[in-house]
Amino acid sequence: MRRILFFIIFLAISVLYNGSATAEETDEDVEIAKKLANPLSNMICVPLQYNYDKNMGADGTGTSHLLNIQPVIPFSLNDNGT
């Protein structure tokens, strides 16, 4: 279980570090930022939410680890709604 927690923390730090390492913005970066800000854009998004709770249970010695994965996959409908 500690390996999973370490991997999630490592992944979050690497994403934050890589996102702040470059000061220059290219046109491609600006377009991606616009698409991310638009909830109706045609991009697949897979947000992860990790929750850790301690002192769980009747005796207060338990822990809870919860990883929520909520993928958003856009699709289009035709004129008939199917």
C-alpha atoms as a PDB file:
ATOM      1  CA  MET A   1       0.000   0.000   0.000  1.00  0.00           C
ATOM      2  CA  ARG A   2       2.907   2.342   0.694  1.00  0.00           C
ATOM      3  CA  ARG A   3       4.183   1.754  -2.834  1.00  0.00           C
ATOM      4  CA  ILE A   4       0.881   2.970  -4.295  1.00  0.00           C
ATOM      5  CA  LEU A   5       0.931   6.046  -2.055  1.00  0.00           C
ATOM      6  CA  PHE A   6       4.550   6.762  -3.027  1.00  0.00           C
ATOM      7  CA  PHE A   7       3.698   6.394  -6.728  1.00  0.00           C
ATOM      8  CA  ILE A   8       0.745   8.799  -6.466  1.00  0.00           C
ATOM      9  CA  ILE A   9       2.826  11.391  -4.612  1.00  0.00           C
ATOM     10  CA  PHE A  10       5.685  10.994  -7.101  1.00  0.00           C
ATOM     11  CA  LEU A  11       3.288  11.404 -10.021  1.00  0.00           C
ATOM     12  CA  ALA A  12       1.733  14.536  -8.527  1.00  0.00           C
ATOM     13  CA  ILE A  13       5.126  16.109  -7.816  1.00  0.00           C
ATOM     14  CA  SER A  14       6.434  15.320 -11.296  1.00  0.00           C
ATOM     15  CA  VAL A  15       3.356  16.859 -12.912  1.00  0.00           C
ATOM     16  CA  LEU A  16       3.665  19.999 -10.781  1.00  0.00           C
ATOM     17  CA  TYR A  17       7.411  20.260 -11.383  1.00  0.00           C
ATOM     18  CA  ASN A  18       7.160  19.779 -15.133  1.00  0.00           C
ATOM     19  CA  GLY A  19       4.322  22.258 -15.352  1.00  0.00           C
ATOM     20  CA  SER A  20       6.268  25.015 -13.608  1.00  0.00           C
ATOM     21  CA  ALA A  21       9.720  24.292 -15.071  1.00  0.00           C
ATOM     22  CA  THR A  22       9.198  26.148 -18.346  1.00  0.00           C
ATOM     23  CA  ALA A  23       8.532  29.874 -18.374  1.00  0.00           C
ATOM     24  CA  GLU A  24       7.910  30.200 -22.107  1.00  0.00           C
ATOM     25  CA  GLU A  25       4.483  29.480 -23.540  1.00  0.00           C
ATOM     26  CA  THR A  26       4.160  28.270 -27.080  1.00  0.00           C
ATOM     27  CA  ASP A  27       1.071  28.586 -29.249  1.00  0.00           C
ATOM     28  CA  GLU A  28       0.394  24.898 -28.692  1.00  0.00           C
ATOM     29  CA  ASP A  29       0.465  25.395 -24.903  1.00  0.00           C
ATOM     30  CA  VAL A  30      -1.997  28.258 -25.172  1.00  0.00           C
ATOM     31  CA  GLU A  31      -4.380  26.165 -27.309  1.00  0.00           C
ATOM     32  CA  ILE A  32      -4.225  23.266 -24.849  1.00  0.00           C
ATOM     33  CA  ALA A  33      -4.909  25.655 -21.955  1.00  0.00           C
ATOM     34  CA  LYS A  34      -7.954  27.019 -23.788  1.00  0.00           C
ATOM     35  CA  LYS A  35      -9.255  23.494 -24.400  1.00  0.00           C
ATOM     36  CA  LEU A  36      -8.719  22.540 -20.749  1.00  0.00           C
ATOM     37  CA  ALA A  37     -10.661  25.605 -19.600  1.00  0.00           C
ATOM     38  CA  ASN A  38     -13.590  24.768 -21.903  1.00  0.00           C
ATOM     39  CA  PRO A  39     -15.790  21.993 -20.434  1.00  0.00           C
ATOM     40  CA  LEU A  40     -17.262  21.302 -23.884  1.00  0.00           C
ATOM     41  CA  SER A  41     -13.908  20.763 -25.611  1.00  0.00           C
ATOM     42  CA  ASN A  42     -13.138  17.533 -27.405  1.00  0.00           C
ATOM     43  CA  MET A  43     -10.489  16.265 -24.951  1.00  0.00           C
ATOM     44  CA  ILE A  44     -10.355  13.159 -22.794  1.00  0.00           C
ATOM     45  CA  CYS A  45      -9.689  13.972 -19.146  1.00  0.00           C
ATOM     46  CA  VAL A  46      -8.930  11.490 -16.359  1.00  0.00           C
ATOM     47  CA  PRO A  47      -8.796  13.304 -13.006  1.00  0.00           C
ATOM     48  CA  LEU A  48      -7.540  11.411  -9.954  1.00  0.00           C
ATOM     49  CA  GLN A  49      -8.530  12.214  -6.375  1.00  0.00           C
ATOM     50  CA  TYR A  50      -6.777  10.466  -3.473  1.00  0.00           C
ATOM     51  CA  ASN A  51      -8.205  10.610   0.049  1.00  0.00           C
ATOM     52  CA  TYR A  52      -6.486   9.282   3.169  1.00  0.00           C
ATOM     53  CA  ASP A  53      -8.240   9.096   6.534  1.00  0.00           C
ATOM     54  CA  LYS A  54      -6.763   7.866   9.796  1.00  0.00           C
ATOM     55  CA  ASN A  55      -8.241   7.000  13.177  1.00  0.00           C
ATOM     56  CA  MET A  56     -11.118   5.110  11.563  1.00  0.00           C
ATOM     57  CA  GLY A  57     -13.292   2.453  13.161  1.00  0.00           C
ATOM     58  CA  ALA A  58     -14.628   1.869  16.653  1.00  0.00           C
ATOM     59  CA  ASP A  59     -11.187   1.688  18.282  1.00  0.00           C
ATOM     60  CA  GLY A  60      -9.704   4.530  16.182  1.00  0.00           C
ATOM     61  CA  THR A  61      -6.744   2.542  14.856  1.00  0.00           C
ATOM     62  CA  GLY A  62      -7.898   1.989  11.288  1.00  0.00           C
ATOM     63  CA  THR A  63      -7.061   3.855   8.109  1.00  0.00           C
ATOM     64  CA  SER A  64      -8.877   4.431   4.851  1.00  0.00           C
ATOM     65  CA  HIS A  65      -7.346   4.923   1.402  1.00  0.00           C
ATOM     66  CA  LEU A  66      -9.670   5.964  -1.413  1.00  0.00           C
ATOM     67  CA  LEU A  67      -8.691   6.693  -5.012  1.00  0.00           C
ATOM     68  CA  ASN A  68     -11.438   8.180  -7.190  1.00  0.00           C
ATOM     69  CA  ILE A  69     -10.936   7.957 -10.944  1.00  0.00           C
ATOM     70  CA  GLN A  70     -13.496   9.974 -12.903  1.00  0.00           C
ATOM     71  CA  PRO A  71     -12.807   9.795 -16.651  1.00  0.00           C
ATOM     72  CA  VAL A  72     -14.534  12.272 -18.953  1.00  0.00           C
ATOM     73  CA  ILE A  73     -14.821  11.044 -22.539  1.00  0.00           C
ATOM     74  CA  PRO A  74     -16.590  13.382 -24.975  1.00  0.00           C
ATOM     75  CA  PHE A  75     -18.899  11.998 -27.638  1.00  0.00           C
ATOM     76  CA  SER A  76     -21.236  13.508 -30.168  1.00  0.00           C
ATOM     77  CA  LEU A  77     -24.871  12.814 -31.011  1.00  0.00           C
ATOM     78  CA  ASN A  78     -26.442  12.878 -34.441  1.00  0.00           C
ATOM     79  CA  ASP A  79     -29.656  14.733 -35.297  1.00  0.00           C
ATOM     80  CA  ASN A  80     -31.787  11.844 -33.998  1.00  0.00           C
ATOM     81  CA  GLY A  81     -30.153  11.981 -30.575  1.00  0.00           C
ATOM     82  CA  THR A  82     -28.515   8.570 -30.875  1.00  0.00           C
END
